Amino acid sequence: MPIHFKDQRIGVFVDVQNMYYSAKSLYNAKVNFMQILKAGAGNRCLIRAIAYVIKADIKEEQNFFDALEKIGFEVKAKDLQIFAGGAKKGDWDIGLAMDTIELAPKLDTIVIVSGDGDYVPLVRHLRHALGCRIEAIAFGKSCSGKLKEECDSFIDLDSDKRRFLIFR
């Protein structure tokens, strides 16, 4: 059970693509980002909640981005990169990392919503160099074991699928 103190200043940083594809591949469902924000923030003092999205020119995309804002997220978007050979790339790993490092002095706890093991060096840096408590929220089945180990606490979305997923 994570340690939650009412006066803890927290930031929630969501790797939307990671969560979207994990929910889709594991459960053929969508993520309930409102419930994730509630679980991450708890009864603590939420300073910032940022959702990192990739714009792919899909029809309902803007409605989704608007819904995230309505929930309470600041939405940061970047375009999907399409390379000459047809390969596509879209991730926010460095952007999320930079934001957490820059905001760390104003936060006691940083919540990373992603199962991506690429965040392990970031987690180590935030804890050891900047003194923050680090929590992760992800689907345990698809989350990096090393990421789970490195964080101070981990919320496994698989443990309450009815709360954290939206089934069609």
Protein backbone atom coordinates (compact mmCIF):
# COMPACT_ATOMS: atom_id res chain seq x y z
CA MET A 1 0.00 0.00 0.00
CA PRO A 2 1.52 3.36 -0.99
CA ILE A 3 2.33 5.93 1.67
CA HIS A 4 -0.04 8.87 1.22
CA PHE A 5 0.26 11.97 3.35
CA LYS A 6 -2.25 14.76 2.83
CA ASP A 7 0.47 17.40 2.50
CA GLN A 8 2.51 15.47 -0.09
CA ARG A 9 2.92 17.53 -3.25
CA ILE A 10 2.55 15.20 -6.20
CA GLY A 11 2.81 15.24 -9.96
CA VAL A 12 1.23 12.63 -12.21
CA PHE A 13 2.88 12.04 -15.60
CA VAL A 14 1.05 9.77 -18.05
CA ASP A 15 2.63 8.05 -21.06
CA VAL A 16 -0.71 7.81 -22.88
CA GLN A 17 0.56 5.68 -25.79
CA ASN A 18 2.03 3.09 -23.44
CA MET A 19 -1.21 2.84 -21.48
CA TYR A 20 -3.41 2.83 -24.60
CA TYR A 21 -1.54 -0.01 -26.31
CA SER A 22 -1.21 -2.05 -23.11
CA ALA A 23 -4.97 -1.89 -22.46
CA LYS A 24 -5.76 -2.64 -26.09
CA SER A 25 -3.42 -5.64 -26.41
CA LEU A 26 -4.11 -7.14 -22.97
CA TYR A 27 -7.86 -6.56 -22.68
CA ASN A 28 -9.15 -5.05 -25.94
CA ALA A 29 -10.33 -2.15 -23.78
CA LYS A 30 -9.68 1.54 -23.21
CA VAL A 31 -8.06 3.11 -20.18
CA ASN A 32 -10.13 5.00 -17.61
CA PHE A 33 -7.76 7.93 -17.15
CA MET A 34 -10.03 9.60 -14.60
CA GLN A 35 -9.70 6.62 -12.26
CA ILE A 36 -5.95 6.49 -12.84
CA LEU A 37 -5.62 10.16 -11.84
CA LYS A 38 -7.73 9.54 -8.72
CA ALA A 39 -5.64 6.50 -7.77
CA GLY A 40 -2.38 8.35 -8.39
CA ALA A 41 -3.32 11.52 -6.53
CA GLY A 42 -5.21 9.91 -3.67
CA ASN A 43 -5.97 12.52 -1.02
CA ARG A 44 -2.68 14.33 -1.62
CA CYS A 45 -1.96 17.81 -3.00
CA LEU A 46 -1.91 17.46 -6.78
CA ILE A 47 0.45 20.07 -8.24
CA ARG A 48 0.54 18.94 -11.90
CA ALA A 49 -1.01 16.18 -13.97
CA ILE A 50 0.36 15.91 -17.50
CA ALA A 51 -0.79 13.52 -20.22
CA TYR A 52 1.63 13.04 -23.13
CA VAL A 53 -0.16 12.20 -26.39
CA ILE A 54 0.75 11.61 -30.02
CA LYS A 55 -1.34 13.26 -32.73
CA ALA A 56 -2.02 10.77 -35.51
CA ASP A 57 -4.84 12.57 -37.37
CA ILE A 58 -7.45 10.07 -36.22
CA LYS A 59 -11.08 11.19 -36.31
CA GLU A 60 -12.01 11.15 -32.60
CA GLU A 61 -8.57 12.18 -31.39
CA GLN A 62 -9.40 15.77 -30.41
CA ASN A 63 -12.44 14.62 -28.39
CA PHE A 64 -10.11 12.32 -26.43
CA PHE A 65 -7.60 15.13 -25.81
CA ASP A 66 -10.45 17.42 -24.67
CA ALA A 67 -11.73 14.70 -22.32
CA LEU A 68 -8.27 14.40 -20.74
CA GLU A 69 -8.24 18.17 -20.13
CA LYS A 70 -11.72 18.05 -18.62
CA ILE A 71 -10.54 15.34 -16.18
CA GLY A 72 -7.74 17.65 -15.04
CA PHE A 73 -4.75 16.79 -17.21
CA GLU A 74 -2.55 19.28 -19.00
CA VAL A 75 -2.23 17.68 -22.45
CA LYS A 76 1.09 17.82 -24.27
CA ALA A 77 0.87 16.66 -27.87
CA LYS A 78 3.35 15.99 -30.62
CA ASP A 79 2.87 14.75 -34.16
CA LEU A 80 3.43 11.14 -35.16
CA GLN A 81 6.66 10.92 -37.15
CA ILE A 82 6.42 9.03 -40.44
CA PHE A 83 9.73 8.15 -42.04
CA ALA A 84 10.51 7.76 -45.76
CA GLY A 85 10.35 3.95 -45.57
CA GLY A 86 6.92 4.10 -43.94
CA ALA A 87 8.11 3.43 -40.39
CA LYS A 88 6.24 5.37 -37.70
CA LYS A 89 7.49 6.68 -34.40
CA GLY A 90 5.80 8.57 -31.62
CA ASP A 91 6.96 8.69 -28.05
CA TRP A 92 7.38 11.19 -25.26
CA ASP A 93 10.03 9.44 -23.17
CA ILE A 94 12.48 12.36 -23.20
CA GLY A 95 9.74 14.99 -22.81
CA LEU A 96 8.25 13.21 -19.80
CA ALA A 97 11.72 12.73 -18.32
CA MET A 98 12.63 16.40 -18.72
CA ASP A 99 9.34 17.56 -17.19
CA THR A 100 9.75 15.31 -14.15
CA ILE A 101 13.33 16.50 -13.61
CA GLU A 102 12.34 20.16 -13.97
CA LEU A 103 9.32 19.84 -11.67
CA ALA A 104 10.97 17.56 -9.07
CA PRO A 105 12.07 20.46 -6.79
CA LYS A 106 8.39 21.43 -6.41
CA LEU A 107 7.21 17.85 -5.75
CA ASP A 108 7.53 15.29 -2.98
CA THR A 109 6.20 12.39 -5.04
CA ILE A 110 6.29 11.73 -8.76
CA VAL A 111 3.81 9.25 -10.22
CA ILE A 112 4.80 7.80 -13.59
CA VAL A 113 1.91 6.14 -15.38
CA SER A 114 3.70 3.75 -17.72
CA GLY A 115 5.14 0.26 -17.74
CA ASP A 116 8.09 1.24 -19.93
CA GLY A 117 11.42 0.00 -18.59
CA ASP A 118 13.17 2.90 -20.35
CA TYR A 119 12.12 5.03 -17.35
CA VAL A 120 14.30 3.06 -14.88
CA PRO A 121 17.33 5.42 -15.11
CA LEU A 122 14.94 8.37 -14.69
CA VAL A 123 13.41 6.82 -11.57
CA ARG A 124 16.87 6.27 -10.08
CA HIS A 125 17.88 9.86 -10.82
CA LEU A 126 14.66 11.37 -9.43
CA ARG A 127 15.02 9.42 -6.20
CA HIS A 128 18.75 9.63 -5.57
CA ALA A 129 19.74 13.01 -7.04
CA LEU A 130 16.51 14.92 -6.45
CA GLY A 131 15.08 13.19 -3.36
CA CYS A 132 11.61 12.42 -4.68
CA ARG A 133 9.45 9.46 -3.80
CA ILE A 134 8.59 7.60 -7.04
CA GLU A 135 5.41 5.66 -7.72
CA ALA A 136 4.40 3.85 -10.89
CA ILE A 137 0.99 2.90 -12.19
CA ALA A 138 0.73 0.37 -15.02
CA PHE A 139 -0.62 -2.99 -16.07
CA GLY A 140 1.48 -5.50 -14.16
CA LYS A 141 1.32 -8.06 -16.97
CA SER A 142 3.05 -5.71 -19.41
CA CYS A 143 5.13 -3.61 -17.00
CA SER A 144 8.90 -3.86 -16.83
CA GLY A 145 9.88 -5.86 -13.75
CA LYS A 146 12.86 -3.56 -13.22
CA LEU A 147 10.57 -0.49 -13.21
CA LYS A 148 8.35 -2.10 -10.55
CA GLU A 149 11.43 -2.91 -8.44
CA GLU A 150 12.92 0.58 -8.66
CA CYS A 151 9.77 2.47 -7.63
CA ASP A 152 8.78 3.11 -4.03
CA SER A 153 5.32 1.76 -4.80
CA PHE A 154 3.45 0.26 -7.72
CA ILE A 155 -0.26 0.23 -8.49
CA ASP A 156 -1.12 -2.73 -10.71
CA LEU A 157 -4.06 -1.82 -12.94
CA ASP A 158 -4.63 -5.54 -13.58
CA SER A 159 -5.79 -5.85 -9.96
CA ASP A 160 -8.97 -3.82 -10.56
CA LYS A 161 -9.85 -4.04 -14.25
CA ARG A 162 -13.44 -2.89 -13.70
CA ARG A 163 -12.19 0.37 -12.21
CA PHE A 164 -9.31 1.14 -14.55
CA LEU A 165 -10.64 -0.08 -17.91
CA ILE A 166 -13.53 0.86 -20.15
CA PHE A 167 -14.86 -2.12 -22.07
CA ARG A 168 -16.79 -1.60 -25.29
